[in-house]
Each structure stands twice: as C-alpha cells, then as structure tokens.
Amino acid sequence: MSKQHQCCQSCGLPWDKDPKAGGTNEDGSQSDLYCSYCFSMGAFVQPDWTAKDMQEYAIKVLAKKGVPEMLGKMLTQGISKLERWNK
C-alpha cells in the first residue's frame, strides 16, 4: 500500500512500527491516514482526545520503552501539526 504520509496523522507513529500497518475504515479497508492504535472501523479509538492529550499519552508510552522524558517531548512536539488536529 502506498501511503501519502510517513506516519499516522493522529499520533505520529511511523507506519513500520504499526503491527497492523494501519487502522481500518468503516468498510474494513485499511486507512491511509491513521494507525491501528488510533483508528478502528472508521472511528477514533479516543474520539474526545485533544492533540495535547495525545502528546502526553505518547510521552508515557515512549517512557515505558526507555525513552527519556525530554526526548519524548521532542519526538512528540509535532503531533499538533498532524492532519487529525488541523481540521
């Protein structure tokens, strides 16, 4: 599948880090915009989250993987610029 973006447009996860290679649209087809952690069957897994909520969550996930908090903040600073948050 050819995706126009290099990462999920909700959380910033690179496509090669998504075990399912993308979320699913309502018809079951694969989403070109969102990863399987963020999007399932045409809906966001956390529909009420803001970009700040997503960034805070991503920093926690990265910390569990051994990424220092400062680096986590740097890696997630672009979340608010992703397509989901700019509609």
C-alpha atoms as a PDB file:
ATOM      1  CA  MET A   1       0.000   0.000   0.000  1.00  0.00           C
ATOM      2  CA  SER A   2       1.228   3.456  -0.828  1.00  0.00           C
ATOM      3  CA  LYS A   3       0.583   5.955   1.939  1.00  0.00           C
ATOM      4  CA  GLN A   4       0.996   9.664   1.218  1.00  0.00           C
ATOM      5  CA  HIS A   5       2.243  10.381   4.765  1.00  0.00           C
ATOM      6  CA  GLN A   6       5.212   8.750   6.517  1.00  0.00           C
ATOM      7  CA  CYS A   7       3.363   8.351   9.810  1.00  0.00           C
ATOM      8  CA  CYS A   8      -0.043   8.225  11.479  1.00  0.00           C
ATOM      9  CA  GLN A   9      -1.776  11.575  11.192  1.00  0.00           C
ATOM     10  CA  SER A  10      -3.129  11.299  14.730  1.00  0.00           C
ATOM     11  CA  CYS A  11      -0.183  10.171  16.906  1.00  0.00           C
ATOM     12  CA  GLY A  12       2.853  10.350  14.614  1.00  0.00           C
ATOM     13  CA  LEU A  13       3.678   6.628  14.784  1.00  0.00           C
ATOM     14  CA  PRO A  14       5.802   5.597  11.767  1.00  0.00           C
ATOM     15  CA  TRP A  15       3.948   3.058   9.584  1.00  0.00           C
ATOM     16  CA  ASP A  16       6.654   0.424  10.072  1.00  0.00           C
ATOM     17  CA  LYS A  17       6.011   0.478  13.849  1.00  0.00           C
ATOM     18  CA  ASP A  18       2.288  -0.342  13.487  1.00  0.00           C
ATOM     19  CA  PRO A  19       1.802  -4.124  13.761  1.00  0.00           C
ATOM     20  CA  LYS A  20      -1.299  -3.914  11.550  1.00  0.00           C
ATOM     21  CA  ALA A  21       0.195  -1.384   9.081  1.00  0.00           C
ATOM     22  CA  GLY A  22      -2.730   0.985   9.616  1.00  0.00           C
ATOM     23  CA  GLY A  23      -6.154   1.378  11.146  1.00  0.00           C
ATOM     24  CA  THR A  24      -9.360   0.347   9.427  1.00  0.00           C
ATOM     25  CA  ASN A  25     -12.049   2.374   7.736  1.00  0.00           C
ATOM     26  CA  GLU A  26     -15.739   1.688   8.351  1.00  0.00           C
ATOM     27  CA  ASP A  27     -15.846  -0.732   5.397  1.00  0.00           C
ATOM     28  CA  GLY A  28     -12.868  -2.677   6.790  1.00  0.00           C
ATOM     29  CA  SER A  29     -10.359  -1.305   4.276  1.00  0.00           C
ATOM     30  CA  GLN A  30      -7.040  -0.008   5.575  1.00  0.00           C
ATOM     31  CA  SER A  31      -6.763   3.663   6.493  1.00  0.00           C
ATOM     32  CA  ASP A  32      -4.162   5.731   4.646  1.00  0.00           C
ATOM     33  CA  LEU A  33      -4.083   8.308   7.445  1.00  0.00           C
ATOM     34  CA  TYR A  34      -4.315   6.637  10.846  1.00  0.00           C
ATOM     35  CA  CYS A  35      -2.621   3.743  12.652  1.00  0.00           C
ATOM     36  CA  SER A  36      -4.359   0.774  14.251  1.00  0.00           C
ATOM     37  CA  TYR A  37      -3.789   2.226  17.728  1.00  0.00           C
ATOM     38  CA  CYS A  38      -5.702   5.420  16.856  1.00  0.00           C
ATOM     39  CA  PHE A  39      -8.361   4.349  14.362  1.00  0.00           C
ATOM     40  CA  SER A  40     -10.590   1.280  14.100  1.00  0.00           C
ATOM     41  CA  MET A  41     -13.631   0.587  11.913  1.00  0.00           C
ATOM     42  CA  GLY A  42     -13.906   4.205  10.810  1.00  0.00           C
ATOM     43  CA  ALA A  43     -13.703   5.802  14.247  1.00  0.00           C
ATOM     44  CA  PHE A  44     -11.014   7.173  16.515  1.00  0.00           C
ATOM     45  CA  VAL A  45     -10.223   4.931  19.481  1.00  0.00           C
ATOM     46  CA  GLN A  46     -10.030   8.049  21.703  1.00  0.00           C
ATOM     47  CA  PRO A  47     -12.516  10.419  19.991  1.00  0.00           C
ATOM     48  CA  ASP A  48     -12.519  13.039  22.748  1.00  0.00           C
ATOM     49  CA  TRP A  49      -8.755  13.489  22.998  1.00  0.00           C
ATOM     50  CA  THR A  50      -7.017  16.718  22.078  1.00  0.00           C
ATOM     51  CA  ALA A  51      -3.585  16.953  20.486  1.00  0.00           C
ATOM     52  CA  LYS A  52      -2.189  17.699  23.972  1.00  0.00           C
ATOM     53  CA  ASP A  53      -3.834  14.533  25.355  1.00  0.00           C
ATOM     54  CA  MET A  54      -2.266  12.522  22.540  1.00  0.00           C
ATOM     55  CA  GLN A  55       1.163  14.029  23.139  1.00  0.00           C
ATOM     56  CA  GLU A  56       1.010  13.292  26.875  1.00  0.00           C
ATOM     57  CA  TYR A  57      -0.033   9.703  26.182  1.00  0.00           C
ATOM     58  CA  ALA A  58       2.712   9.209  23.583  1.00  0.00           C
ATOM     59  CA  ILE A  59       5.355  10.532  26.010  1.00  0.00           C
ATOM     60  CA  LYS A  60       4.196   7.947  28.592  1.00  0.00           C
ATOM     61  CA  VAL A  61       4.340   5.119  26.033  1.00  0.00           C
ATOM     62  CA  LEU A  62       7.828   6.165  24.963  1.00  0.00           C
ATOM     63  CA  ALA A  63       8.956   6.357  28.615  1.00  0.00           C
ATOM     64  CA  LYS A  64       7.818   2.738  29.114  1.00  0.00           C
ATOM     65  CA  LYS A  65      10.103   1.840  26.222  1.00  0.00           C
ATOM     66  CA  GLY A  66      13.048   3.551  27.909  1.00  0.00           C
ATOM     67  CA  VAL A  67      12.932   6.908  26.115  1.00  0.00           C
ATOM     68  CA  PRO A  68      13.843   9.790  28.477  1.00  0.00           C
ATOM     69  CA  GLU A  69      11.043  12.316  29.055  1.00  0.00           C
ATOM     70  CA  MET A  70      12.926  15.187  27.395  1.00  0.00           C
ATOM     71  CA  LEU A  71      13.492  13.146  24.239  1.00  0.00           C
ATOM     72  CA  GLY A  72       9.857  12.000  24.335  1.00  0.00           C
ATOM     73  CA  LYS A  73       8.752  15.641  24.376  1.00  0.00           C
ATOM     74  CA  MET A  74      10.991  16.382  21.401  1.00  0.00           C
ATOM     75  CA  LEU A  75       9.732  13.360  19.448  1.00  0.00           C
ATOM     76  CA  THR A  76       6.091  14.272  20.021  1.00  0.00           C
ATOM     77  CA  GLN A  77       6.204  18.041  19.594  1.00  0.00           C
ATOM     78  CA  GLY A  78       4.844  17.781  16.035  1.00  0.00           C
ATOM     79  CA  ILE A  79       1.637  15.962  16.997  1.00  0.00           C
ATOM     80  CA  SER A  80      -0.441  19.156  16.963  1.00  0.00           C
ATOM     81  CA  LYS A  81       0.574  19.709  13.321  1.00  0.00           C
ATOM     82  CA  LEU A  82      -0.781  16.339  12.147  1.00  0.00           C
ATOM     83  CA  GLU A  83      -3.870  16.188   9.939  1.00  0.00           C
ATOM     84  CA  ARG A  84      -6.289  14.963  12.639  1.00  0.00           C
ATOM     85  CA  TRP A  85      -5.694  18.042  14.757  1.00  0.00           C
ATOM     86  CA  ASN A  86      -5.827  20.574  11.908  1.00  0.00           C
ATOM     87  CA  LYS A  87      -9.322  20.036  10.541  1.00  0.00           C
END
